[in-house]
């Protein structure tokens, strides 16, 4: 795991060495073709904000049902 992290860090450092910032959100990148060509890459702008939403939750009510339960009543008469 450590070796992979180091390898990724070195790859990122090597790729950034070929870039040069030319303005706000602009980078000049040299591509290795036969010789080199230089392109200007425009990075996207990001706007961050917050939105307020109202969430309505349902109200759940539990009714206690007091139904009458009929149980059999058994009476045994001795002879």
Foldseek 3Di string as FASTA:
>chain_A
DVVVVVVVVVVVVVQCVQWDDDDVQWIWGWDDDVHIDIDIDGHDDDDDDDDDDDDDDDDDDDDDDPDDDDDDDDDDDDD
